[in-house]
Amino acid sequence: MKIKKWKNAIAVILMISVLLPLGAQKSDAASKYVELELQWEDGRISHIETLLKDGVTYASFFSLGSSAGLLWKMEGDDVAVLTRDQKRIVVHMGSKIAEVDGRKVDMGREPVWYISHLYVPIQFLAPALDGEVANRDTKTGKVTVTGLHNYTDTFYGSMMGYSYVIRAARGDLEITSAYTGQKNSIPLGIKDINVNTHDLTLHFKRTPENLLIVIIEYSNRKTGEYDLYALVFKNQGLIRQSVAHGLVEQHEWLKSDGTIQLIDDHNIRMIDDGSGNVLEVIAR
């Protein structure tokens, strides 16, 4: 496919799939595909079919990069880029020389454009994503890659016309109105956000009296402990906030009597729904 067709073809990439699943496009070139097992540092494991050409195993540049939490873009018609914060991987059509975080790297082979996917040698892309090619099955051609890094550094949620964003670099909650564009930042103090070892999720609950509770869970997959952040809003204004570190069990927010429980490191506050007033403080 000619270079000038890149931009039109790229739009098809993520519509097909984030990663080309086993069996996809098999009728086009079954003999040109081999199995690729991807083992991620964040615990994910996936099996896909990937391109084998002239004895070299390739991986889809944009698809694998997207799974790593990187953003893809074109710079001109012949330069493809994966980027996020300090991570930047650049490949050039017609060249074996790529760039990884500012360093020149010889990929061994030029990029290959095949059926709406841009492929680069897995022997290059694995270490570029902080992983490694751990095994190659000489009989089947299957390649196993381990230790792939997830570079996701931004976490999103939305509720009633407002977006809620936490960026790993700051650890604060940024709230933006979709109607006015007005932004507000609430300090949370979440440190060392790393999706390769932790999970960060945002939940939203509306109370019967129309208060909004924003719940943020930051859990450690190895220990099972998690930090619990809760913010209570009334008419989009923050009226209560709490944080409990190192919990090992889930917490009930809304009690059957209509009150709200806010738990922190030292106590539990019982909050009146509607007014947001503190009704009772219970020592933990």
Protein backbone atom coordinates (compact mmCIF):
# COMPACT_ATOMS: atom_id res chain seq x y z
CA MET A 1 0.00 0.00 0.00
CA LYS A 2 1.33 3.40 -0.89
CA ILE A 3 2.39 5.80 1.86
CA LYS A 4 -0.23 8.39 0.92
CA LYS A 5 -2.95 5.88 1.89
CA TRP A 6 -1.72 5.59 5.48
CA LYS A 7 -4.08 8.08 7.06
CA ASN A 8 -7.19 6.55 5.48
CA ALA A 9 -6.15 3.04 6.44
CA ILE A 10 -5.20 3.91 10.00
CA ALA A 11 -8.76 4.90 10.81
CA VAL A 12 -9.70 1.26 10.31
CA ILE A 13 -7.16 -0.06 12.82
CA LEU A 14 -8.91 0.42 16.13
CA MET A 15 -12.33 -0.26 14.60
CA ILE A 16 -11.16 -3.77 13.78
CA SER A 17 -9.88 -4.48 17.30
CA VAL A 18 -7.44 -3.25 19.86
CA LEU A 19 -5.45 -6.37 19.14
CA LEU A 20 -6.03 -8.69 16.20
CA PRO A 21 -7.74 -11.74 17.76
CA LEU A 22 -6.94 -15.33 16.98
CA GLY A 23 -8.64 -16.30 13.75
CA ALA A 24 -9.17 -12.76 12.43
CA GLN A 25 -8.27 -12.21 8.77
CA LYS A 26 -7.21 -15.87 8.57
CA SER A 27 -8.69 -16.29 5.12
CA ASP A 28 -6.44 -13.55 3.76
CA ALA A 29 -3.09 -15.06 4.72
CA ALA A 30 -3.38 -17.86 7.25
CA SER A 31 0.14 -19.13 6.61
CA LYS A 32 1.59 -15.70 7.35
CA TYR A 33 0.36 -15.60 10.93
CA VAL A 34 1.76 -17.17 14.11
CA GLU A 35 0.61 -17.01 17.70
CA LEU A 36 1.88 -14.26 19.97
CA GLU A 37 1.39 -14.51 23.73
CA LEU A 38 1.54 -11.19 25.56
CA GLN A 39 2.17 -11.17 29.31
CA TRP A 40 1.75 -7.74 30.85
CA GLU A 41 3.30 -6.43 34.03
CA ASP A 42 -0.20 -5.41 35.18
CA GLY A 43 -1.33 -9.07 35.10
CA ARG A 44 -3.03 -9.25 31.72
CA ILE A 45 -2.31 -12.16 29.39
CA SER A 46 -3.55 -12.26 25.81
CA HIS A 47 -3.06 -14.49 22.79
CA ILE A 48 -3.25 -13.05 19.29
CA GLU A 49 -2.22 -13.96 15.77
CA THR A 50 0.63 -11.86 14.45
CA LEU A 51 2.46 -11.51 11.17
CA LEU A 52 5.40 -13.77 10.24
CA LYS A 53 7.36 -12.51 7.24
CA ASP A 54 10.68 -13.82 5.93
CA GLY A 55 11.34 -15.59 9.23
CA VAL A 56 10.74 -12.45 11.32
CA THR A 57 7.86 -12.16 13.80
CA TYR A 58 6.15 -8.78 13.76
CA ALA A 59 3.61 -7.06 16.03
CA SER A 60 0.97 -4.46 15.26
CA PHE A 61 2.55 -1.13 16.19
CA PHE A 62 -0.60 0.87 16.92
CA SER A 63 -2.62 -1.96 18.48
CA LEU A 64 0.07 -3.13 20.87
CA GLY A 65 0.92 0.47 21.72
CA SER A 66 -2.73 1.23 22.51
CA SER A 67 -2.89 -1.82 24.80
CA ALA A 68 0.15 -0.38 26.58
CA GLY A 69 -1.77 2.82 27.28
CA LEU A 70 0.09 4.84 24.67
CA LEU A 71 -1.47 7.31 22.25
CA TRP A 72 -0.78 6.90 18.54
CA LYS A 73 -0.49 9.59 15.91
CA MET A 74 1.06 10.36 12.54
CA GLU A 75 3.67 13.06 12.08
CA GLY A 76 3.51 13.73 8.37
CA ASP A 77 2.77 10.88 5.98
CA ASP A 78 5.65 8.55 6.79
CA VAL A 79 6.30 8.81 10.53
CA ALA A 80 4.28 6.84 13.11
CA VAL A 81 4.46 7.68 16.81
CA LEU A 82 3.42 6.12 20.11
CA THR A 83 3.61 8.53 23.02
CA ARG A 84 2.57 9.15 26.63
CA ASP A 85 4.24 11.47 29.13
CA GLN A 86 7.95 10.51 29.00
CA LYS A 87 7.50 7.51 26.67
CA ARG A 88 7.92 8.08 22.92
CA ILE A 89 8.44 5.48 20.19
CA VAL A 90 8.90 6.61 16.59
CA VAL A 91 9.17 4.51 13.42
CA HIS A 92 9.74 5.68 9.85
CA MET A 93 8.39 3.99 6.76
CA GLY A 94 11.24 2.69 4.61
CA SER A 95 13.77 2.76 7.45
CA LYS A 96 15.07 0.18 9.94
CA ILE A 97 16.10 2.94 12.36
CA ALA A 98 13.54 3.83 15.04
CA GLU A 99 13.64 6.09 18.09
CA VAL A 100 12.82 5.02 21.65
CA ASP A 101 12.78 7.79 24.24
CA GLY A 102 15.22 9.83 22.15
CA ARG A 103 17.61 6.94 21.41
CA LYS A 104 18.24 5.56 17.93
CA VAL A 105 17.43 1.84 17.71
CA ASP A 106 17.98 -0.53 14.79
CA MET A 107 14.82 -2.62 14.38
CA GLY A 108 16.55 -5.06 12.03
CA ARG A 109 13.77 -4.75 9.45
CA GLU A 110 11.67 -1.93 8.05
CA PRO A 111 8.02 -1.52 9.12
CA VAL A 112 5.50 -3.58 7.16
CA TRP A 113 2.04 -2.34 6.24
CA TYR A 114 -0.38 -5.26 5.87
CA ILE A 115 -4.21 -5.36 5.89
CA SER A 116 -4.79 -2.10 7.79
CA HIS A 117 -2.06 -2.78 10.38
CA LEU A 118 1.42 -1.36 10.65
CA TYR A 119 3.78 -4.11 11.79
CA VAL A 120 7.27 -3.81 13.32
CA PRO A 121 9.56 -6.61 14.55
CA ILE A 122 8.49 -7.89 17.97
CA GLN A 123 12.18 -8.21 18.82
CA PHE A 124 12.22 -4.38 18.71
CA LEU A 125 8.77 -3.52 20.07
CA ALA A 126 8.92 -5.78 23.16
CA PRO A 127 11.94 -4.05 24.77
CA ALA A 128 10.62 -0.67 23.59
CA LEU A 129 7.65 -1.40 25.86
CA ASP A 130 9.99 -2.55 28.67
CA GLY A 131 9.27 -6.23 28.03
CA GLU A 132 11.28 -9.02 26.48
CA VAL A 133 10.89 -11.93 24.08
CA ALA A 134 11.04 -14.77 26.58
CA ASN A 135 10.43 -17.78 24.37
CA ARG A 136 10.18 -18.88 20.76
CA ASP A 137 8.65 -22.25 19.90
CA THR A 138 10.69 -23.59 16.99
CA LYS A 139 7.94 -26.04 15.98
CA THR A 140 4.89 -23.78 15.98
CA GLY A 141 6.55 -20.38 15.68
CA LYS A 142 4.69 -19.15 18.78
CA VAL A 143 6.43 -16.23 20.49
CA THR A 144 5.97 -15.38 24.17
CA VAL A 145 6.63 -11.84 25.38
CA THR A 146 6.77 -11.04 29.10
CA GLY A 147 6.97 -7.96 31.31
CA LEU A 148 5.19 -5.55 28.96
CA HIS A 149 4.59 -2.23 30.69
CA ASN A 150 1.31 -0.34 30.94
CA TYR A 151 1.88 3.42 30.64
CA THR A 152 -1.67 4.53 31.45
CA ASP A 153 -1.37 7.71 33.50
CA THR A 154 -4.84 9.27 33.31
CA PHE A 155 -8.09 7.93 34.80
CA TYR A 156 -11.52 9.17 33.76
CA GLY A 157 -15.08 9.18 34.97
CA SER A 158 -18.17 11.22 34.12
CA MET A 159 -21.48 12.04 35.77
CA MET A 160 -24.30 14.47 34.97
CA GLY A 161 -22.38 16.69 32.56
CA TYR A 162 -19.10 16.72 34.49
CA SER A 163 -15.86 14.87 33.80
CA TYR A 164 -13.64 13.65 36.66
CA VAL A 165 -9.96 13.08 35.89
CA ILE A 166 -7.03 11.87 37.99
CA ARG A 167 -3.56 12.24 36.48
CA ALA A 168 -0.78 10.04 37.86
CA ALA A 169 1.70 12.92 37.84
CA ARG A 170 -0.40 14.91 40.33
CA GLY A 171 -2.80 12.54 42.05
CA ASP A 172 -5.52 15.18 42.38
CA LEU A 173 -9.11 15.10 41.16
CA GLU A 174 -9.80 17.49 38.27
CA ILE A 175 -13.47 18.28 37.62
CA THR A 176 -14.58 19.93 34.39
CA SER A 177 -18.06 21.07 33.35
CA ALA A 178 -19.01 19.92 29.86
CA TYR A 179 -21.32 22.94 29.56
CA THR A 180 -19.12 25.83 30.67
CA GLY A 181 -15.62 24.36 30.57
CA GLN A 182 -15.06 25.55 34.13
CA LYS A 183 -12.45 23.49 35.96
CA ASN A 184 -11.90 22.74 39.61
CA SER A 185 -9.09 20.74 41.24
CA ILE A 186 -9.43 18.93 44.56
CA PRO A 187 -6.21 17.75 46.26
CA LEU A 188 -6.28 14.03 47.08
CA GLY A 189 -2.63 13.31 47.77
CA ILE A 190 -2.61 9.97 45.93
CA LYS A 191 1.06 9.07 45.51
CA ASP A 192 2.95 6.74 43.19
CA ILE A 193 0.04 5.80 40.92
CA ASN A 194 1.21 2.78 38.94
CA VAL A 195 -1.27 0.65 37.01
CA ASN A 196 1.29 -2.15 36.75
CA THR A 197 0.91 -2.87 40.47
CA HIS A 198 -2.35 -1.14 41.44
CA ASP A 199 -5.91 -0.58 40.21
CA LEU A 200 -7.54 2.85 40.36
CA THR A 201 -11.28 3.13 39.81
CA LEU A 202 -13.86 5.90 40.15
CA HIS A 203 -17.48 5.23 41.17
CA PHE A 204 -20.44 7.57 41.45
CA LYS A 205 -23.53 7.28 43.67
CA ARG A 206 -26.57 9.54 43.87
CA THR A 207 -28.28 9.54 47.25
CA PRO A 208 -32.08 9.63 47.65
CA GLU A 209 -31.80 13.33 48.59
CA ASN A 210 -29.66 14.06 45.52
CA LEU A 211 -26.19 14.34 47.03
CA LEU A 212 -23.41 13.02 44.82
CA ILE A 213 -20.78 10.71 46.30
CA VAL A 214 -17.58 10.25 44.27
CA ILE A 215 -15.74 7.13 45.41
CA ILE A 216 -12.12 6.46 44.43
CA GLU A 217 -10.52 3.08 45.14
CA TYR A 218 -6.78 2.62 44.76
CA SER A 219 -6.01 -1.04 45.40
CA ASN A 220 -2.78 -3.03 45.59
CA ARG A 221 -3.11 -6.26 43.60
CA LYS A 222 -0.38 -8.01 45.57
CA THR A 223 -1.50 -7.24 49.14
CA GLY A 224 -5.23 -6.86 48.54
CA GLU A 225 -5.22 -3.63 50.56
CA TYR A 226 -6.76 -0.50 49.16
CA ASP A 227 -7.04 3.19 49.87
CA LEU A 228 -10.55 4.58 49.86
CA TYR A 229 -11.31 8.20 48.99
CA ALA A 230 -14.81 9.68 49.22
CA LEU A 231 -16.08 13.12 48.29
CA VAL A 232 -19.63 14.31 48.89
CA PHE A 233 -21.04 17.08 46.67
CA LYS A 234 -24.16 19.19 47.05
CA ASN A 235 -25.16 21.22 44.00
CA GLN A 236 -21.65 20.55 42.61
CA GLY A 237 -20.03 22.02 45.71
CA LEU A 238 -17.77 19.80 47.85
CA ILE A 239 -19.16 19.53 51.37
CA ARG A 240 -17.43 16.44 52.83
CA GLN A 241 -14.23 14.51 52.08
CA SER A 242 -12.54 11.48 53.64
CA VAL A 243 -9.71 9.01 53.01
CA ALA A 244 -8.99 5.64 54.61
CA HIS A 245 -5.65 3.95 53.89
CA GLY A 246 -4.91 0.23 53.84
CA LEU A 247 -8.44 -1.18 54.06
CA VAL A 248 -8.92 -4.88 53.36
CA GLU A 249 -12.69 -5.06 52.96
CA GLN A 250 -15.39 -3.19 51.10
CA HIS A 251 -17.28 -0.35 52.76
CA GLU A 252 -21.03 0.32 52.83
CA TRP A 253 -21.81 3.90 51.87
CA LEU A 254 -25.54 4.30 52.20
CA LYS A 255 -27.18 2.92 55.32
CA SER A 256 -30.75 1.63 55.45
CA ASP A 257 -31.68 4.55 57.71
CA GLY A 258 -30.81 7.02 54.94
CA THR A 259 -27.51 8.22 56.34
CA ILE A 260 -24.13 8.25 54.62
CA GLN A 261 -21.02 6.64 56.12
CA LEU A 262 -17.66 8.33 55.53
CA ILE A 263 -14.69 6.33 56.75
CA ASP A 264 -11.17 7.65 57.28
CA ASP A 265 -8.02 6.50 59.09
CA HIS A 266 -9.40 7.22 62.56
CA ASN A 267 -13.20 7.28 62.58
CA ILE A 268 -16.49 6.90 60.77
CA ARG A 269 -18.72 9.93 60.29
CA MET A 270 -22.45 9.49 59.86
CA ILE A 271 -23.69 12.15 57.42
CA ASP A 272 -27.26 13.30 57.01
CA ASP A 273 -28.50 12.88 53.45
CA GLY A 274 -29.72 16.12 51.92
CA SER A 275 -28.11 18.58 54.33
CA GLY A 276 -24.72 16.90 54.55
CA ASN A 277 -24.53 17.58 58.29
CA VAL A 278 -22.45 15.30 60.53
CA LEU A 279 -24.81 13.41 62.81
CA GLU A 280 -22.38 11.16 64.65
CA VAL A 281 -18.66 10.32 64.82
CA ILE A 282 -17.68 6.75 65.67
CA ALA A 283 -14.09 5.84 66.55
CA ARG A 284 -12.66 2.99 64.52
